[in-house]
Amino acid sequence: MPDVTKMGRPAAAVAPGMLHSGMPVARPPHRPDNRVLATLPPTELGMVAHHLQIVSLPAGALLRHQDAALDHIYFPHQGVISLLATTSGGETIEVASAGRDGAICPILSSEPRDGLLTAIAHGPLRASRIPAARLNTLMAQSPALGTAMEACREMLLLQLRQNLICSGLHAVEHRLARWLLETADRLGSDMVPATQEHVAQRLGVRRTTVTLLASKLQDTGAIRWGRSRAQMLDRTRLESMACGCYGVLRERMRNPRPTEPTITTEFAS
């Protein structure tokens, strides 16, 4: 069950797959687990923290529908948020994701709907959120916050660019190994909550394909996959099976550079 509280009182539950909105909230801690917020200078963190809301959501919670603007910016504390591109026929593929080292914000400053992307909690999620309009106001007052949000957007852009190359040129087996590694990195854990159906939706392939490839990965001793989670047993072996995109993107995301460092980005609400 989701754990969303205000002044210590339980709030109503949000079912998986339902749009998250209007939920009771609690103030975040002084020094949040999200690394983007934690790197802000104390004065600026205090200014932002006053407007943050902590939410705890179940796996599959819909944070943003593809046909709507992203009205809140999310800073995960625990868990991962996936950004999915969806076709008119319902097929999906993950274009980017964020854990406690990042944030979910509009990728394109000129397009509030960001090309019809859907934001979903991958596994249980605990995060701070802030209305996009409020964040715009705070960014004008906080240079450090503006720089941090540009870096977050650049991290999402880097993923989108690399995923475009990866999905078009690399075998699904290598993409699966890479996805498991990256999701584990964002979670900070060797245990990745995921059914094979969910992974198929992230990779844009059939579930039967994931089942076959997961079995091969297990045979090598790299992972153990249960009904709803995959455990990393031999990370070095799994890295050897992943495509080169994993290492390239990991290195580039260590020091993301804002694409427009002199321009203040506004996040549409």
C-alpha atoms as a PDB file:
ATOM      1  CA  MET A   1       0.000   0.000   0.000  1.00  0.00           C
ATOM      2  CA  PRO A   2       1.214   3.520  -0.701  1.00  0.00           C
ATOM      3  CA  ASP A   3       2.377   5.536   2.294  1.00  0.00           C
ATOM      4  CA  VAL A   4       1.503   9.182   1.816  1.00  0.00           C
ATOM      5  CA  THR A   5       1.002  11.175   4.967  1.00  0.00           C
ATOM      6  CA  LYS A   6       0.250  14.643   6.268  1.00  0.00           C
ATOM      7  CA  MET A   7       0.981  15.429   9.909  1.00  0.00           C
ATOM      8  CA  GLY A   8       1.359  11.691  10.550  1.00  0.00           C
ATOM      9  CA  ARG A   9      -2.127  10.648   9.355  1.00  0.00           C
ATOM     10  CA  PRO A  10      -2.535   7.989   6.635  1.00  0.00           C
ATOM     11  CA  ALA A  11      -3.894   9.134   3.305  1.00  0.00           C
ATOM     12  CA  ALA A  12      -6.055   7.394   0.727  1.00  0.00           C
ATOM     13  CA  ALA A  13      -4.397   4.740  -1.422  1.00  0.00           C
ATOM     14  CA  VAL A  14      -3.570   5.136  -5.075  1.00  0.00           C
ATOM     15  CA  ALA A  15      -4.046   2.038  -7.187  1.00  0.00           C
ATOM     16  CA  PRO A  16      -1.356   1.012  -9.679  1.00  0.00           C
ATOM     17  CA  GLY A  17      -1.960   2.541 -13.086  1.00  0.00           C
ATOM     18  CA  MET A  18      -4.068   5.399 -11.740  1.00  0.00           C
ATOM     19  CA  LEU A  19      -3.075   9.028 -12.190  1.00  0.00           C
ATOM     20  CA  HIS A  20      -1.419  10.454  -9.085  1.00  0.00           C
ATOM     21  CA  SER A  21      -2.800  13.860  -8.123  1.00  0.00           C
ATOM     22  CA  GLY A  22      -4.094  15.863  -5.214  1.00  0.00           C
ATOM     23  CA  MET A  23      -2.691  13.573  -2.540  1.00  0.00           C
ATOM     24  CA  PRO A  24      -1.927  14.576   1.064  1.00  0.00           C
ATOM     25  CA  VAL A  25       1.757  15.146   1.632  1.00  0.00           C
ATOM     26  CA  ALA A  26       4.472  15.625   4.217  1.00  0.00           C
ATOM     27  CA  ARG A  27       7.411  17.996   4.354  1.00  0.00           C
ATOM     28  CA  PRO A  28      10.690  16.462   3.205  1.00  0.00           C
ATOM     29  CA  PRO A  29      13.636  16.009   5.571  1.00  0.00           C
ATOM     30  CA  HIS A  30      16.190  18.806   5.889  1.00  0.00           C
ATOM     31  CA  ARG A  31      18.774  16.880   3.840  1.00  0.00           C
ATOM     32  CA  PRO A  32      16.863  14.703   1.346  1.00  0.00           C
ATOM     33  CA  ASP A  33      18.016  11.374  -0.030  1.00  0.00           C
ATOM     34  CA  ASN A  34      17.659  12.665  -3.581  1.00  0.00           C
ATOM     35  CA  ARG A  35      21.158  13.679  -4.642  1.00  0.00           C
ATOM     36  CA  VAL A  36      20.025  16.592  -6.820  1.00  0.00           C
ATOM     37  CA  LEU A  37      18.305  18.255  -3.874  1.00  0.00           C
ATOM     38  CA  ALA A  38      21.049  17.255  -1.441  1.00  0.00           C
ATOM     39  CA  THR A  39      23.709  19.104  -3.459  1.00  0.00           C
ATOM     40  CA  LEU A  40      21.909  22.457  -3.201  1.00  0.00           C
ATOM     41  CA  PRO A  41      23.437  25.030  -0.806  1.00  0.00           C
ATOM     42  CA  PRO A  42      21.629  24.977   2.571  1.00  0.00           C
ATOM     43  CA  THR A  43      19.912  28.322   2.029  1.00  0.00           C
ATOM     44  CA  GLU A  44      18.583  27.380  -1.383  1.00  0.00           C
ATOM     45  CA  LEU A  45      17.614  23.885  -0.226  1.00  0.00           C
ATOM     46  CA  GLY A  46      15.604  25.443   2.566  1.00  0.00           C
ATOM     47  CA  MET A  47      13.813  27.704   0.102  1.00  0.00           C
ATOM     48  CA  VAL A  48      12.939  24.758  -2.140  1.00  0.00           C
ATOM     49  CA  ALA A  49      12.090  22.348   0.700  1.00  0.00           C
ATOM     50  CA  HIS A  50       9.285  24.624   1.856  1.00  0.00           C
ATOM     51  CA  HIS A  51       7.399  23.793  -1.369  1.00  0.00           C
ATOM     52  CA  LEU A  52       8.294  20.106  -1.725  1.00  0.00           C
ATOM     53  CA  GLN A  53       5.850  17.291  -1.054  1.00  0.00           C
ATOM     54  CA  ILE A  54       6.859  13.719  -0.228  1.00  0.00           C
ATOM     55  CA  VAL A  55       4.809  10.988  -1.883  1.00  0.00           C
ATOM     56  CA  SER A  56       5.035   7.203  -1.563  1.00  0.00           C
ATOM     57  CA  LEU A  57       3.494   5.263  -4.428  1.00  0.00           C
ATOM     58  CA  PRO A  58       3.087   1.631  -5.497  1.00  0.00           C
ATOM     59  CA  ALA A  59       4.642   0.024  -8.539  1.00  0.00           C
ATOM     60  CA  GLY A  60       2.852   1.056 -11.719  1.00  0.00           C
ATOM     61  CA  ALA A  61       1.530   4.376 -10.375  1.00  0.00           C
ATOM     62  CA  LEU A  62       0.953   6.771 -13.277  1.00  0.00           C
ATOM     63  CA  LEU A  63       2.626  10.105 -12.574  1.00  0.00           C
ATOM     64  CA  ARG A  64       1.989  11.714 -15.906  1.00  0.00           C
ATOM     65  CA  HIS A  65      -0.238  10.662 -18.824  1.00  0.00           C
ATOM     66  CA  GLN A  66       1.119  11.014 -22.326  1.00  0.00           C
ATOM     67  CA  ASP A  67      -1.635  13.448 -23.301  1.00  0.00           C
ATOM     68  CA  ALA A  68      -1.031  15.824 -20.393  1.00  0.00           C
ATOM     69  CA  ALA A  69       1.688  18.265 -19.425  1.00  0.00           C
ATOM     70  CA  LEU A  70       4.037  17.324 -16.597  1.00  0.00           C
ATOM     71  CA  ASP A  71       2.471  19.458 -13.887  1.00  0.00           C
ATOM     72  CA  HIS A  72       4.906  18.335 -11.170  1.00  0.00           C
ATOM     73  CA  ILE A  73       8.669  17.784 -11.167  1.00  0.00           C
ATOM     74  CA  TYR A  74       9.706  14.588  -9.346  1.00  0.00           C
ATOM     75  CA  PHE A  75      12.882  13.933  -7.346  1.00  0.00           C
ATOM     76  CA  PRO A  76      13.046  10.215  -6.426  1.00  0.00           C
ATOM     77  CA  HIS A  77      14.368   9.253  -2.996  1.00  0.00           C
ATOM     78  CA  GLN A  78      13.819   5.511  -3.397  1.00  0.00           C
ATOM     79  CA  GLY A  79      12.817   3.712  -6.575  1.00  0.00           C
ATOM     80  CA  VAL A  80      12.885   4.597 -10.258  1.00  0.00           C
ATOM     81  CA  ILE A  81      10.591   6.576 -12.557  1.00  0.00           C
ATOM     82  CA  SER A  82      10.388   5.456 -16.199  1.00  0.00           C
ATOM     83  CA  LEU A  83       9.599   7.725 -19.148  1.00  0.00           C
ATOM     84  CA  LEU A  84       7.820   5.702 -21.823  1.00  0.00           C
ATOM     85  CA  ALA A  85       7.033   6.527 -25.433  1.00  0.00           C
ATOM     86  CA  THR A  86       3.735   4.966 -26.512  1.00  0.00           C
ATOM     87  CA  THR A  87       2.386   4.303 -30.002  1.00  0.00           C
ATOM     88  CA  SER A  88      -1.248   4.655 -31.053  1.00  0.00           C
ATOM     89  CA  GLY A  89      -1.472   0.869 -30.898  1.00  0.00           C
ATOM     90  CA  GLY A  90      -0.365   0.747 -27.261  1.00  0.00           C
ATOM     91  CA  GLU A  91       3.220  -0.468 -27.767  1.00  0.00           C
ATOM     92  CA  THR A  92       5.750   1.119 -25.412  1.00  0.00           C
ATOM     93  CA  ILE A  93       9.481   1.613 -25.063  1.00  0.00           C
ATOM     94  CA  GLU A  94      11.473   3.298 -22.313  1.00  0.00           C
ATOM     95  CA  VAL A  95      13.332   6.394 -23.490  1.00  0.00           C
ATOM     96  CA  ALA A  96      14.783   7.477 -20.127  1.00  0.00           C
ATOM     97  CA  SER A  97      14.522   6.937 -16.390  1.00  0.00           C
ATOM     98  CA  ALA A  98      15.606   8.574 -13.139  1.00  0.00           C
ATOM     99  CA  GLY A  99      16.476   7.360  -9.655  1.00  0.00           C
ATOM    100  CA  ARG A 100      17.737   9.175  -6.572  1.00  0.00           C
ATOM    101  CA  ASP A 101      20.591  10.733  -8.539  1.00  0.00           C
ATOM    102  CA  GLY A 102      18.257  12.580 -10.916  1.00  0.00           C
ATOM    103  CA  ALA A 103      14.799  14.022 -11.491  1.00  0.00           C
ATOM    104  CA  ILE A 104      11.894  13.741 -13.901  1.00  0.00           C
ATOM    105  CA  CYS A 105      11.333  17.050 -15.663  1.00  0.00           C
ATOM    106  CA  PRO A 106      10.360  18.101 -19.217  1.00  0.00           C
ATOM    107  CA  ILE A 107      13.096  17.075 -21.646  1.00  0.00           C
ATOM    108  CA  LEU A 108      12.278  19.730 -24.245  1.00  0.00           C
ATOM    109  CA  SER A 109      11.875  23.287 -23.008  1.00  0.00           C
ATOM    110  CA  SER A 110       9.897  24.187 -26.125  1.00  0.00           C
ATOM    111  CA  GLU A 111       7.375  21.340 -25.795  1.00  0.00           C
ATOM    112  CA  PRO A 112       5.537  20.919 -22.482  1.00  0.00           C
ATOM    113  CA  ARG A 113       4.140  17.525 -23.532  1.00  0.00           C
ATOM    114  CA  ASP A 114       7.598  16.267 -24.467  1.00  0.00           C
ATOM    115  CA  GLY A 115       6.486  14.248 -27.473  1.00  0.00           C
ATOM    116  CA  LEU A 116       3.794  12.224 -25.689  1.00  0.00           C
ATOM    117  CA  LEU A 117       5.855  10.644 -22.910  1.00  0.00           C
ATOM    118  CA  THR A 118       4.281   8.769 -20.015  1.00  0.00           C
ATOM    119  CA  ALA A 119       5.868   8.758 -16.544  1.00  0.00           C
ATOM    120  CA  ILE A 120       5.372   5.600 -14.457  1.00  0.00           C
ATOM    121  CA  ALA A 121       6.766   4.413 -11.135  1.00  0.00           C
ATOM    122  CA  HIS A 122       8.916   1.354 -11.782  1.00  0.00           C
ATOM    123  CA  GLY A 123       8.536  -0.550  -8.552  1.00  0.00           C
ATOM    124  CA  PRO A 124       7.611   1.111  -5.234  1.00  0.00           C
ATOM    125  CA  LEU A 125       8.495   4.799  -5.271  1.00  0.00           C
ATOM    126  CA  ARG A 126       9.192   7.457  -2.676  1.00  0.00           C
ATOM    127  CA  ALA A 127       9.879  10.912  -4.059  1.00  0.00           C
ATOM    128  CA  SER A 128       9.656  14.638  -3.497  1.00  0.00           C
ATOM    129  CA  ARG A 129       7.588  16.597  -5.974  1.00  0.00           C
ATOM    130  CA  ILE A 130       6.992  20.277  -6.629  1.00  0.00           C
ATOM    131  CA  PRO A 131       4.553  22.047  -8.983  1.00  0.00           C
ATOM    132  CA  ALA A 132       6.311  22.987 -12.212  1.00  0.00           C
ATOM    133  CA  ALA A 133       5.104  26.586 -12.024  1.00  0.00           C
ATOM    134  CA  ARG A 134       6.483  26.960  -8.513  1.00  0.00           C
ATOM    135  CA  LEU A 135       9.828  25.513  -9.556  1.00  0.00           C
ATOM    136  CA  ASN A 136      10.063  28.084 -12.350  1.00  0.00           C
ATOM    137  CA  THR A 137       9.706  30.862  -9.788  1.00  0.00           C
ATOM    138  CA  LEU A 138      12.304  29.334  -7.479  1.00  0.00           C
ATOM    139  CA  MET A 139      14.779  28.818 -10.327  1.00  0.00           C
ATOM    140  CA  ALA A 140      14.702  32.561 -10.992  1.00  0.00           C
ATOM    141  CA  GLN A 141      15.787  33.098  -7.376  1.00  0.00           C
ATOM    142  CA  SER A 142      18.272  30.231  -7.122  1.00  0.00           C
ATOM    143  CA  PRO A 143      21.156  29.941  -9.615  1.00  0.00           C
ATOM    144  CA  ALA A 144      22.193  26.603  -8.078  1.00  0.00           C
ATOM    145  CA  LEU A 145      18.706  25.169  -8.603  1.00  0.00           C
ATOM    146  CA  GLY A 146      18.652  26.358 -12.210  1.00  0.00           C
ATOM    147  CA  THR A 147      22.012  24.713 -12.878  1.00  0.00           C
ATOM    148  CA  ALA A 148      20.888  21.486 -11.184  1.00  0.00           C
ATOM    149  CA  MET A 149      17.706  21.287 -13.253  1.00  0.00           C
ATOM    150  CA  GLU A 150      19.615  21.899 -16.498  1.00  0.00           C
ATOM    151  CA  ALA A 151      21.889  19.000 -15.546  1.00  0.00           C
ATOM    152  CA  CYS A 152      18.842  16.785 -14.874  1.00  0.00           C
ATOM    153  CA  ARG A 153      17.393  17.623 -18.260  1.00  0.00           C
ATOM    154  CA  GLU A 154      20.726  16.887 -19.898  1.00  0.00           C
ATOM    155  CA  MET A 155      20.849  13.484 -18.192  1.00  0.00           C
ATOM    156  CA  LEU A 156      17.449  12.623 -19.651  1.00  0.00           C
ATOM    157  CA  LEU A 157      18.517  13.884 -23.082  1.00  0.00           C
ATOM    158  CA  LEU A 158      21.672  11.773 -22.969  1.00  0.00           C
ATOM    159  CA  GLN A 159      19.586   8.698 -22.257  1.00  0.00           C
ATOM    160  CA  LEU A 160      17.128   9.494 -25.033  1.00  0.00           C
ATOM    161  CA  ARG A 161      19.939   9.902 -27.576  1.00  0.00           C
ATOM    162  CA  GLN A 162      21.738   6.725 -26.515  1.00  0.00           C
ATOM    163  CA  ASN A 163      18.515   4.702 -26.396  1.00  0.00           C
ATOM    164  CA  LEU A 164      17.725   5.779 -29.955  1.00  0.00           C
ATOM    165  CA  ILE A 165      21.035   4.313 -31.107  1.00  0.00           C
ATOM    166  CA  CYS A 166      20.741   1.247 -28.909  1.00  0.00           C
ATOM    167  CA  SER A 167      17.212   0.239 -29.902  1.00  0.00           C
ATOM    168  CA  GLY A 168      18.019   0.573 -33.585  1.00  0.00           C
ATOM    169  CA  LEU A 169      21.435  -1.088 -33.742  1.00  0.00           C
ATOM    170  CA  HIS A 170      21.917  -3.510 -30.873  1.00  0.00           C
ATOM    171  CA  ALA A 171      20.569  -6.996 -30.225  1.00  0.00           C
ATOM    172  CA  VAL A 172      17.822  -7.378 -27.617  1.00  0.00           C
ATOM    173  CA  GLU A 173      20.021  -9.697 -25.546  1.00  0.00           C
ATOM    174  CA  HIS A 174      22.597  -6.926 -25.068  1.00  0.00           C
ATOM    175  CA  ARG A 175      19.906  -4.308 -24.477  1.00  0.00           C
ATOM    176  CA  LEU A 176      18.359  -6.476 -21.745  1.00  0.00           C
ATOM    177  CA  ALA A 177      21.683  -6.804 -19.924  1.00  0.00           C
ATOM    178  CA  ARG A 178      22.190  -3.054 -20.207  1.00  0.00           C
ATOM    179  CA  TRP A 179      18.691  -2.266 -18.918  1.00  0.00           C
ATOM    180  CA  LEU A 180      19.150  -4.496 -15.882  1.00  0.00           C
ATOM    181  CA  LEU A 181      22.480  -2.851 -15.053  1.00  0.00           C
ATOM    182  CA  GLU A 182      21.205   0.706 -15.459  1.00  0.00           C
ATOM    183  CA  THR A 183      18.060   0.073 -13.428  1.00  0.00           C
ATOM    184  CA  ALA A 184      20.127  -1.527 -10.676  1.00  0.00           C
ATOM    185  CA  ASP A 185      22.406   1.528 -10.717  1.00  0.00           C
ATOM    186  CA  ARG A 186      19.478   3.915 -10.343  1.00  0.00           C
ATOM    187  CA  LEU A 187      18.061   1.835  -7.499  1.00  0.00           C
ATOM    188  CA  GLY A 188      21.440   1.482  -5.812  1.00  0.00           C
ATOM    189  CA  SER A 189      20.701  -2.222  -5.384  1.00  0.00           C
ATOM    190  CA  ASP A 190      21.508  -5.568  -6.994  1.00  0.00           C
ATOM    191  CA  MET A 191      17.810  -6.447  -6.795  1.00  0.00           C
ATOM    192  CA  VAL A 192      15.617  -5.079  -9.598  1.00  0.00           C
ATOM    193  CA  PRO A 193      11.824  -5.314  -9.082  1.00  0.00           C
ATOM    194  CA  ALA A 194      10.448  -6.291 -12.491  1.00  0.00           C
ATOM    195  CA  THR A 195       8.258  -8.870 -14.130  1.00  0.00           C
ATOM    196  CA  GLN A 196       9.272 -10.063 -17.566  1.00  0.00           C
ATOM    197  CA  GLU A 197       6.140  -8.399 -18.940  1.00  0.00           C
ATOM    198  CA  HIS A 198       7.252  -5.040 -17.526  1.00  0.00           C
ATOM    199  CA  VAL A 199      10.736  -5.428 -18.969  1.00  0.00           C
ATOM    200  CA  ALA A 200       9.261  -6.287 -22.361  1.00  0.00           C
ATOM    201  CA  GLN A 201       7.306  -3.024 -22.231  1.00  0.00           C
ATOM    202  CA  ARG A 202      10.482  -1.111 -21.386  1.00  0.00           C
ATOM    203  CA  LEU A 203      12.449  -2.680 -24.246  1.00  0.00           C
ATOM    204  CA  GLY A 204       9.630  -2.604 -26.801  1.00  0.00           C
ATOM    205  CA  VAL A 205       9.696  -6.378 -27.417  1.00  0.00           C
ATOM    206  CA  ARG A 206       7.473  -9.413 -26.774  1.00  0.00           C
ATOM    207  CA  ARG A 207       7.374 -10.979 -23.336  1.00  0.00           C
ATOM    208  CA  THR A 208       8.341 -14.338 -24.797  1.00  0.00           C
ATOM    209  CA  THR A 209      11.545 -12.746 -26.088  1.00  0.00           C
ATOM    210  CA  VAL A 210      12.440 -11.513 -22.610  1.00  0.00           C
ATOM    211  CA  THR A 211      11.626 -14.926 -21.136  1.00  0.00           C
ATOM    212  CA  LEU A 212      13.997 -16.646 -23.545  1.00  0.00           C
ATOM    213  CA  LEU A 213      16.836 -14.149 -23.057  1.00  0.00           C
ATOM    214  CA  ALA A 214      16.403 -14.052 -19.271  1.00  0.00           C
ATOM    215  CA  SER A 215      16.811 -17.830 -19.232  1.00  0.00           C
ATOM    216  CA  LYS A 216      20.069 -17.495 -21.163  1.00  0.00           C
ATOM    217  CA  LEU A 217      21.372 -14.883 -18.738  1.00  0.00           C
ATOM    218  CA  GLN A 218      20.501 -17.142 -15.828  1.00  0.00           C
ATOM    219  CA  ASP A 219      22.350 -20.054 -17.430  1.00  0.00           C
ATOM    220  CA  THR A 220      25.541 -17.974 -17.439  1.00  0.00           C
ATOM    221  CA  GLY A 221      25.218 -17.285 -13.717  1.00  0.00           C
ATOM    222  CA  ALA A 222      24.934 -13.521 -14.241  1.00  0.00           C
ATOM    223  CA  ILE A 223      21.428 -13.169 -12.759  1.00  0.00           C
ATOM    224  CA  ARG A 224      18.637 -15.003 -10.986  1.00  0.00           C
ATOM    225  CA  TRP A 225      15.123 -14.031 -12.102  1.00  0.00           C
ATOM    226  CA  GLY A 226      12.121 -14.791  -9.932  1.00  0.00           C
ATOM    227  CA  ARG A 227       8.467 -14.055 -10.601  1.00  0.00           C
ATOM    228  CA  SER A 228       8.721 -10.338  -9.980  1.00  0.00           C
ATOM    229  CA  ARG A 229      12.384  -9.436  -9.583  1.00  0.00           C
ATOM    230  CA  ALA A 230      15.836 -10.004 -11.017  1.00  0.00           C
ATOM    231  CA  GLN A 231      18.911 -10.351  -8.827  1.00  0.00           C
ATOM    232  CA  MET A 232      22.400  -9.488 -10.023  1.00  0.00           C
ATOM    233  CA  LEU A 233      24.707 -12.412  -9.162  1.00  0.00           C
ATOM    234  CA  ASP A 234      27.752 -11.548 -11.262  1.00  0.00           C
ATOM    235  CA  ARG A 235      27.835  -7.893 -12.299  1.00  0.00           C
ATOM    236  CA  THR A 236      31.128  -8.231 -14.158  1.00  0.00           C
ATOM    237  CA  ARG A 237      29.723 -11.037 -16.279  1.00  0.00           C
ATOM    238  CA  LEU A 238      26.533  -9.088 -16.929  1.00  0.00           C
ATOM    239  CA  GLU A 239      28.529  -6.019 -17.994  1.00  0.00           C
ATOM    240  CA  SER A 240      30.412  -8.159 -20.496  1.00  0.00           C
ATOM    241  CA  MET A 241      27.064  -9.129 -22.037  1.00  0.00           C
ATOM    242  CA  ALA A 242      25.710  -5.593 -22.239  1.00  0.00           C
ATOM    243  CA  CYS A 243      26.210  -3.432 -25.305  1.00  0.00           C
ATOM    244  CA  GLY A 244      28.766  -0.631 -25.245  1.00  0.00           C
ATOM    245  CA  CYS A 245      26.001   1.897 -24.597  1.00  0.00           C
ATOM    246  CA  TYR A 246      26.110   1.022 -20.894  1.00  0.00           C
ATOM    247  CA  GLY A 247      29.694   2.129 -20.345  1.00  0.00           C
ATOM    248  CA  VAL A 248      29.444   5.113 -22.688  1.00  0.00           C
ATOM    249  CA  LEU A 249      26.321   6.500 -21.054  1.00  0.00           C
ATOM    250  CA  ARG A 250      27.539   5.827 -17.509  1.00  0.00           C
ATOM    251  CA  GLU A 251      30.687   7.829 -18.193  1.00  0.00           C
ATOM    252  CA  ARG A 252      28.857  10.729 -19.833  1.00  0.00           C
ATOM    253  CA  MET A 253      26.265  10.953 -17.067  1.00  0.00           C
ATOM    254  CA  ARG A 254      28.905  11.327 -14.373  1.00  0.00           C
ATOM    255  CA  ASN A 255      29.453  14.919 -15.470  1.00  0.00           C
ATOM    256  CA  PRO A 256      26.377  16.072 -17.411  1.00  0.00           C
ATOM    257  CA  ARG A 257      26.719  19.474 -19.060  1.00  0.00           C
ATOM    258  CA  PRO A 258      23.675  21.727 -19.502  1.00  0.00           C
ATOM    259  CA  THR A 259      22.822  22.156 -23.161  1.00  0.00           C
ATOM    260  CA  GLU A 260      21.946  25.840 -22.667  1.00  0.00           C
ATOM    261  CA  PRO A 261      23.869  27.003 -19.575  1.00  0.00           C
ATOM    262  CA  THR A 262      23.103  30.690 -20.055  1.00  0.00           C
ATOM    263  CA  ILE A 263      19.364  30.269 -20.610  1.00  0.00           C
ATOM    264  CA  THR A 264      16.855  29.861 -17.785  1.00  0.00           C
ATOM    265  CA  THR A 265      14.644  26.880 -18.567  1.00  0.00           C
ATOM    266  CA  GLU A 266      10.983  27.054 -17.616  1.00  0.00           C
ATOM    267  CA  PHE A 267       9.010  23.901 -16.909  1.00  0.00           C
ATOM    268  CA  ALA A 268       5.458  24.248 -18.166  1.00  0.00           C
ATOM    269  CA  SER A 269       2.639  23.329 -15.837  1.00  0.00           C
END
